[in-house]
Amino acid sequence: MKKVMMALFILIATTSVTAVSARDGKSKKHKTIATKYTCTMHPEVIRSKKGKCPKCGMNLVPVKAPHNNK
């Protein structure tokens, strides 16, 4: 009985470690998309950081990503 319990424990531990490492590998493959910021009055102004519009001084807002209509 001890051998069966030990084998079961090892099987569960190995499966758990494999599942966690597989999940971590998948999450690292996703690319991070950098947020861009623009002025609502001057959409041609695009910056990589929050701040003020150089033309009118309004706060820059995050650019929304386009939706994929598949």
PDB file of N, CA and C in Angstrom:
ATOM      1  N   MET A   1       0.821  -1.198   0.000  1.00  0.00           N
ATOM      2  CA  MET A   1       0.000   0.000   0.000  1.00  0.00           C
ATOM      3  C   MET A   1       0.866   1.264   0.000  1.00  0.00           C
ATOM      4  N   LYS A   2       1.992   1.219   0.741  1.00  0.00           N
ATOM      5  CA  LYS A   2       2.886   2.381   0.785  1.00  0.00           C
ATOM      6  C   LYS A   2       3.448   2.695  -0.605  1.00  0.00           C
ATOM      7  N   LYS A   3       3.778   1.649  -1.352  1.00  0.00           N
ATOM      8  CA  LYS A   3       4.345   1.851  -2.685  1.00  0.00           C
ATOM      9  C   LYS A   3       3.320   2.490  -3.618  1.00  0.00           C
ATOM     10  N   VAL A   4       2.078   2.073  -3.513  1.00  0.00           N
ATOM     11  CA  VAL A   4       1.025   2.632  -4.351  1.00  0.00           C
ATOM     12  C   VAL A   4       0.807   4.099  -4.011  1.00  0.00           C
ATOM     13  N   MET A   5       0.765   4.428  -2.723  1.00  0.00           N
ATOM     14  CA  MET A   5       0.578   5.813  -2.292  1.00  0.00           C
ATOM     15  C   MET A   5       1.753   6.683  -2.739  1.00  0.00           C
ATOM     16  N   MET A   6       2.964   6.159  -2.609  1.00  0.00           N
ATOM     17  CA  MET A   6       4.154   6.916  -3.014  1.00  0.00           C
ATOM     18  C   MET A   6       4.148   7.139  -4.530  1.00  0.00           C
ATOM     19  N   ALA A   7       3.790   6.118  -5.309  1.00  0.00           N
ATOM     20  CA  ALA A   7       3.730   6.252  -6.761  1.00  0.00           C
ATOM     21  C   ALA A   7       2.669   7.274  -7.160  1.00  0.00           C
ATOM     22  N   LEU A   8       1.524   7.248  -6.481  1.00  0.00           N
ATOM     23  CA  LEU A   8       0.459   8.203  -6.752  1.00  0.00           C
ATOM     24  C   LEU A   8       0.912   9.631  -6.430  1.00  0.00           C
ATOM     25  N   PHE A   9       1.590   9.812  -5.314  1.00  0.00           N
ATOM     26  CA  PHE A   9       2.107  11.125  -4.923  1.00  0.00           C
ATOM     27  C   PHE A   9       3.102  11.649  -5.966  1.00  0.00           C
ATOM     28  N   ILE A  10       3.998  10.796  -6.405  1.00  0.00           N
ATOM     29  CA  ILE A  10       4.999  11.206  -7.401  1.00  0.00           C
ATOM     30  C   ILE A  10       4.314  11.568  -8.716  1.00  0.00           C
ATOM     31  N   LEU A  11       3.305  10.798  -9.100  1.00  0.00           N
ATOM     32  CA  LEU A  11       2.574  11.082 -10.330  1.00  0.00           C
ATOM     33  C   LEU A  11       1.870  12.436 -10.258  1.00  0.00           C
ATOM     34  N   ILE A  12       1.231  12.716  -9.146  1.00  0.00           N
ATOM     35  CA  ILE A  12       0.534  13.992  -8.975  1.00  0.00           C
ATOM     36  C   ILE A  12       1.525  15.151  -8.957  1.00  0.00           C
ATOM     37  N   ALA A  13       2.627  15.003  -8.251  1.00  0.00           N
ATOM     38  CA  ALA A  13       3.630  16.067  -8.172  1.00  0.00           C
ATOM     39  C   ALA A  13       4.225  16.350  -9.552  1.00  0.00           C
ATOM     40  N   THR A  14       4.540  15.326 -10.296  1.00  0.00           N
ATOM     41  CA  THR A  14       5.115  15.493 -11.634  1.00  0.00           C
ATOM     42  C   THR A  14       4.125  16.172 -12.576  1.00  0.00           C
ATOM     43  N   THR A  15       2.875  15.765 -12.513  1.00  0.00           N
ATOM     44  CA  THR A  15       1.842  16.363 -13.361  1.00  0.00           C
ATOM     45  C   THR A  15       1.655  17.837 -13.033  1.00  0.00           C
ATOM     46  N   SER A  16       1.666  18.178 -11.749  1.00  0.00           N
ATOM     47  CA  SER A  16       1.501  19.571 -11.332  1.00  0.00           C
ATOM     48  C   SER A  16       2.651  20.434 -11.824  1.00  0.00           C
ATOM     49  N   VAL A  17       3.863  19.952 -11.677  1.00  0.00           N
ATOM     50  CA  VAL A  17       5.036  20.718 -12.122  1.00  0.00           C
ATOM     51  C   VAL A  17       5.003  20.897 -13.629  1.00  0.00           C
ATOM     52  N   THR A  18       4.634  19.870 -14.352  1.00  0.00           N
ATOM     53  CA  THR A  18       4.562  19.951 -15.814  1.00  0.00           C
ATOM     54  C   THR A  18       3.495  20.945 -16.255  1.00  0.00           C
ATOM     55  N   ALA A  19       2.343  20.920 -15.596  1.00  0.00           N
ATOM     56  CA  ALA A  19       1.255  21.833 -15.957  1.00  0.00           C
ATOM     57  C   ALA A  19       1.650  23.278 -15.699  1.00  0.00           C
ATOM     58  N   VAL A  20       2.304  23.543 -14.586  1.00  0.00           N
ATOM     59  CA  VAL A  20       2.717  24.911 -14.256  1.00  0.00           C
ATOM     60  C   VAL A  20       3.777  25.396 -15.235  1.00  0.00           C
ATOM     61  N   SER A  21       4.746  24.569 -15.559  1.00  0.00           N
ATOM     62  CA  SER A  21       5.796  25.002 -16.484  1.00  0.00           C
ATOM     63  C   SER A  21       5.237  25.207 -17.886  1.00  0.00           C
ATOM     64  N   ALA A  22       4.272  24.396 -18.296  1.00  0.00           N
ATOM     65  CA  ALA A  22       3.654  24.584 -19.616  1.00  0.00           C
ATOM     66  C   ALA A  22       2.868  25.882 -19.653  1.00  0.00           C
ATOM     67  N   ARG A  23       2.151  26.190 -18.582  1.00  0.00           N
ATOM     68  CA  ARG A  23       1.371  27.429 -18.521  1.00  0.00           C
ATOM     69  C   ARG A  23       2.301  28.637 -18.540  1.00  0.00           C
ATOM     70  N   ASP A  24       3.415  28.584 -17.802  1.00  0.00           N
ATOM     71  CA  ASP A  24       4.364  29.697 -17.791  1.00  0.00           C
ATOM     72  C   ASP A  24       4.985  29.912 -19.155  1.00  0.00           C
ATOM     73  N   GLY A  25       5.246  28.856 -19.878  1.00  0.00           N
ATOM     74  CA  GLY A  25       5.821  28.972 -21.209  1.00  0.00           C
ATOM     75  C   GLY A  25       4.873  29.658 -22.169  1.00  0.00           C
ATOM     76  N   LYS A  26       3.585  29.373 -22.061  1.00  0.00           N
ATOM     77  CA  LYS A  26       2.605  30.003 -22.940  1.00  0.00           C
ATOM     78  C   LYS A  26       2.454  31.477 -22.644  1.00  0.00           C
ATOM     79  N   SER A  27       2.484  31.845 -21.365  1.00  0.00           N
ATOM     80  CA  SER A  27       2.287  33.250 -21.020  1.00  0.00           C
ATOM     81  C   SER A  27       3.464  34.111 -21.472  1.00  0.00           C
ATOM     82  N   LYS A  28       4.640  33.546 -21.578  1.00  0.00           N
ATOM     83  CA  LYS A  28       5.799  34.318 -22.008  1.00  0.00           C
ATOM     84  C   LYS A  28       5.796  34.562 -23.515  1.00  0.00           C
ATOM     85  N   LYS A  29       5.010  33.762 -24.259  1.00  0.00           N
ATOM     86  CA  LYS A  29       4.966  33.911 -25.711  1.00  0.00           C
ATOM     87  C   LYS A  29       4.112  35.097 -26.141  1.00  0.00           C
ATOM     88  N   HIS A  30       3.205  35.546 -25.284  1.00  0.00           N
ATOM     89  CA  HIS A  30       2.349  36.670 -25.641  1.00  0.00           C
ATOM     90  C   HIS A  30       3.167  37.950 -25.682  1.00  0.00           C
ATOM     91  N   LYS A  31       2.978  38.710 -26.726  1.00  0.00           N
ATOM     92  CA  LYS A  31       3.692  39.973 -26.862  1.00  0.00           C
ATOM     93  C   LYS A  31       2.937  41.071 -26.141  1.00  0.00           C
ATOM     94  N   THR A  32       3.666  41.934 -25.494  1.00  0.00           N
ATOM     95  CA  THR A  32       3.061  43.077 -24.836  1.00  0.00           C
ATOM     96  C   THR A  32       2.929  44.197 -25.858  1.00  0.00           C
ATOM     97  N   ILE A  33       1.733  44.726 -25.958  1.00  0.00           N
ATOM     98  CA  ILE A  33       1.489  45.812 -26.899  1.00  0.00           C
ATOM     99  C   ILE A  33       1.683  47.134 -26.165  1.00  0.00           C
ATOM    100  N   ALA A  34       2.554  47.972 -26.684  1.00  0.00           N
ATOM    101  CA  ALA A  34       2.825  49.259 -26.051  1.00  0.00           C
ATOM    102  C   ALA A  34       1.633  50.189 -26.264  1.00  0.00           C
ATOM    103  N   THR A  35       1.261  50.896 -25.213  1.00  0.00           N
ATOM    104  CA  THR A  35       0.159  51.842 -25.298  1.00  0.00           C
ATOM    105  C   THR A  35       0.645  53.129 -25.928  1.00  0.00           C
ATOM    106  N   LYS A  36      -0.123  53.634 -26.854  1.00  0.00           N
ATOM    107  CA  LYS A  36       0.152  54.925 -27.493  1.00  0.00           C
ATOM    108  C   LYS A  36      -0.874  55.921 -26.990  1.00  0.00           C
ATOM    109  N   TYR A  37      -0.508  57.186 -26.962  1.00  0.00           N
ATOM    110  CA  TYR A  37      -1.383  58.255 -26.477  1.00  0.00           C
ATOM    111  C   TYR A  37      -1.544  59.306 -27.563  1.00  0.00           C
ATOM    112  N   THR A  38      -2.751  59.865 -27.640  1.00  0.00           N
ATOM    113  CA  THR A  38      -3.039  60.880 -28.645  1.00  0.00           C
ATOM    114  C   THR A  38      -3.920  61.978 -28.055  1.00  0.00           C
ATOM    115  N   CYS A  39      -4.019  63.078 -28.774  1.00  0.00           N
ATOM    116  CA  CYS A  39      -4.872  64.195 -28.373  1.00  0.00           C
ATOM    117  C   CYS A  39      -6.226  64.023 -29.052  1.00  0.00           C
ATOM    118  N   THR A  40      -7.303  64.279 -28.318  1.00  0.00           N
ATOM    119  CA  THR A  40      -8.631  64.154 -28.916  1.00  0.00           C
ATOM    120  C   THR A  40      -8.898  65.241 -29.954  1.00  0.00           C
ATOM    121  N   MET A  41      -8.245  66.370 -29.842  1.00  0.00           N
ATOM    122  CA  MET A  41      -8.422  67.456 -30.797  1.00  0.00           C
ATOM    123  C   MET A  41      -7.438  67.378 -31.969  1.00  0.00           C
ATOM    124  N   HIS A  42      -6.307  66.730 -31.746  1.00  0.00           N
ATOM    125  CA  HIS A  42      -5.269  66.620 -32.770  1.00  0.00           C
ATOM    126  C   HIS A  42      -4.826  65.152 -32.877  1.00  0.00           C
ATOM    127  N   PRO A  43      -5.592  64.310 -33.580  1.00  0.00           N
ATOM    128  CA  PRO A  43      -5.283  62.874 -33.644  1.00  0.00           C
ATOM    129  C   PRO A  43      -3.955  62.543 -34.325  1.00  0.00           C
ATOM    130  N   GLU A  44      -3.383  63.504 -35.014  1.00  0.00           N
ATOM    131  CA  GLU A  44      -2.079  63.267 -35.641  1.00  0.00           C
ATOM    132  C   GLU A  44      -0.943  63.260 -34.623  1.00  0.00           C
ATOM    133  N   VAL A  45      -1.202  63.794 -33.417  1.00  0.00           N
ATOM    134  CA  VAL A  45      -0.206  63.792 -32.346  1.00  0.00           C
ATOM    135  C   VAL A  45      -0.274  62.435 -31.659  1.00  0.00           C
ATOM    136  N   ILE A  46       0.794  61.668 -31.749  1.00  0.00           N
ATOM    137  CA  ILE A  46       0.872  60.346 -31.123  1.00  0.00           C
ATOM    138  C   ILE A  46       2.165  60.276 -30.328  1.00  0.00           C
ATOM    139  N   ARG A  47       2.052  59.888 -29.067  1.00  0.00           N
ATOM    140  CA  ARG A  47       3.211  59.798 -28.173  1.00  0.00           C
ATOM    141  C   ARG A  47       3.222  58.427 -27.495  1.00  0.00           C
ATOM    142  N   SER A  48       4.375  58.023 -27.002  1.00  0.00           N
ATOM    143  CA  SER A  48       4.495  56.743 -26.300  1.00  0.00           C
ATOM    144  C   SER A  48       4.275  56.890 -24.797  1.00  0.00           C
ATOM    145  N   LYS A  49       4.174  58.129 -24.300  1.00  0.00           N
ATOM    146  CA  LYS A  49       3.971  58.378 -22.869  1.00  0.00           C
ATOM    147  C   LYS A  49       2.799  59.323 -22.659  1.00  0.00           C
ATOM    148  N   LYS A  50       2.231  59.267 -21.464  1.00  0.00           N
ATOM    149  CA  LYS A  50       1.194  60.226 -21.103  1.00  0.00           C
ATOM    150  C   LYS A  50       1.810  61.609 -21.076  1.00  0.00           C
ATOM    151  N   GLY A  51       0.988  62.619 -21.247  1.00  0.00           N
ATOM    152  CA  GLY A  51       1.500  63.985 -21.202  1.00  0.00           C
ATOM    153  C   GLY A  51       0.473  64.952 -21.751  1.00  0.00           C
ATOM    154  N   LYS A  52       0.961  66.080 -22.225  1.00  0.00           N
ATOM    155  CA  LYS A  52       0.118  67.142 -22.779  1.00  0.00           C
ATOM    156  C   LYS A  52       0.355  67.246 -24.279  1.00  0.00           C
ATOM    157  N   CYS A  53      -0.689  67.634 -24.994  1.00  0.00           N
ATOM    158  CA  CYS A  53      -0.581  67.865 -26.435  1.00  0.00           C
ATOM    159  C   CYS A  53       0.296  69.090 -26.665  1.00  0.00           C
ATOM    160  N   PRO A  54       1.281  68.989 -27.558  1.00  0.00           N
ATOM    161  CA  PRO A  54       2.138  70.133 -27.820  1.00  0.00           C
ATOM    162  C   PRO A  54       1.416  71.263 -28.552  1.00  0.00           C
ATOM    163  N   LYS A  55       0.268  70.991 -29.169  1.00  0.00           N
ATOM    164  CA  LYS A  55      -0.459  72.013 -29.918  1.00  0.00           C
ATOM    165  C   LYS A  55      -1.455  72.777 -29.055  1.00  0.00           C
ATOM    166  N   CYS A  56      -2.191  72.051 -28.181  1.00  0.00           N
ATOM    167  CA  CYS A  56      -3.250  72.726 -27.427  1.00  0.00           C
ATOM    168  C   CYS A  56      -3.129  72.575 -25.910  1.00  0.00           C
ATOM    169  N   GLY A  57      -2.264  71.687 -25.441  1.00  0.00           N
ATOM    170  CA  GLY A  57      -2.059  71.528 -24.010  1.00  0.00           C
ATOM    171  C   GLY A  57      -3.040  70.580 -23.323  1.00  0.00           C
ATOM    172  N   MET A  58      -3.942  69.951 -24.086  1.00  0.00           N
ATOM    173  CA  MET A  58      -4.874  68.992 -23.489  1.00  0.00           C
ATOM    174  C   MET A  58      -4.141  67.715 -23.090  1.00  0.00           C
ATOM    175  N   ASN A  59      -4.708  66.985 -22.110  1.00  0.00           N
ATOM    176  CA  ASN A  59      -4.130  65.707 -21.716  1.00  0.00           C
ATOM    177  C   ASN A  59      -4.245  64.712 -22.858  1.00  0.00           C
ATOM    178  N   LEU A  60      -3.183  63.928 -23.066  1.00  0.00           N
ATOM    179  CA  LEU A  60      -3.219  62.873 -24.063  1.00  0.00           C
ATOM    180  C   LEU A  60      -3.972  61.674 -23.489  1.00  0.00           C
ATOM    181  N   VAL A  61      -4.719  60.996 -24.351  1.00  0.00           N
ATOM    182  CA  VAL A  61      -5.517  59.842 -23.928  1.00  0.00           C
ATOM    183  C   VAL A  61      -5.009  58.591 -24.641  1.00  0.00           C
ATOM    184  N   PRO A  62      -5.197  57.399 -24.027  1.00  0.00           N
ATOM    185  CA  PRO A  62      -4.744  56.159 -24.685  1.00  0.00           C
ATOM    186  C   PRO A  62      -5.494  55.927 -25.987  1.00  0.00           C
ATOM    187  N   VAL A  63      -4.771  55.428 -26.978  1.00  0.00           N
ATOM    188  CA  VAL A  63      -5.371  55.085 -28.268  1.00  0.00           C
ATOM    189  C   VAL A  63      -6.011  53.718 -28.113  1.00  0.00           C
ATOM    190  N   LYS A  64      -7.264  53.589 -28.541  1.00  0.00           N
ATOM    191  CA  LYS A  64      -7.954  52.310 -28.477  1.00  0.00           C
ATOM    192  C   LYS A  64      -7.539  51.455 -29.660  1.00  0.00           C
ATOM    193  N   ALA A  65      -7.300  50.155 -29.372  1.00  0.00           N
ATOM    194  CA  ALA A  65      -6.918  49.222 -30.429  1.00  0.00           C
ATOM    195  C   ALA A  65      -8.122  48.927 -31.304  1.00  0.00           C
ATOM    196  N   PRO A  66      -7.915  48.783 -32.600  1.00  0.00           N
ATOM    197  CA  PRO A  66      -9.039  48.448 -33.493  1.00  0.00           C
ATOM    198  C   PRO A  66      -9.527  47.026 -33.215  1.00  0.00           C
ATOM    199  N   HIS A  67     -10.838  46.813 -33.393  1.00  0.00           N
ATOM    200  CA  HIS A  67     -11.424  45.494 -33.192  1.00  0.00           C
ATOM    201  C   HIS A  67     -11.249  44.660 -34.430  1.00  0.00           C
ATOM    202  N   ASN A  68     -10.975  43.372 -34.239  1.00  0.00           N
ATOM    203  CA  ASN A  68     -10.902  42.444 -35.369  1.00  0.00           C
ATOM    204  C   ASN A  68     -12.278  41.871 -35.595  1.00  0.00           C
ATOM    205  N   ASN A  69     -12.856  42.145 -36.738  1.00  0.00           N
ATOM    206  CA  ASN A  69     -14.185  41.631 -37.064  1.00  0.00           C
ATOM    207  C   ASN A  69     -14.043  40.405 -37.948  1.00  0.00           C
ATOM    208  N   LYS A  70     -13.847  39.261 -37.317  1.00  0.00           N
ATOM    209  CA  LYS A  70     -13.677  38.008 -38.078  1.00  0.00           C
ATOM    210  C   LYS A  70     -14.936  37.213 -38.035  1.00  0.00           C
TER     211      LYS A  70
END
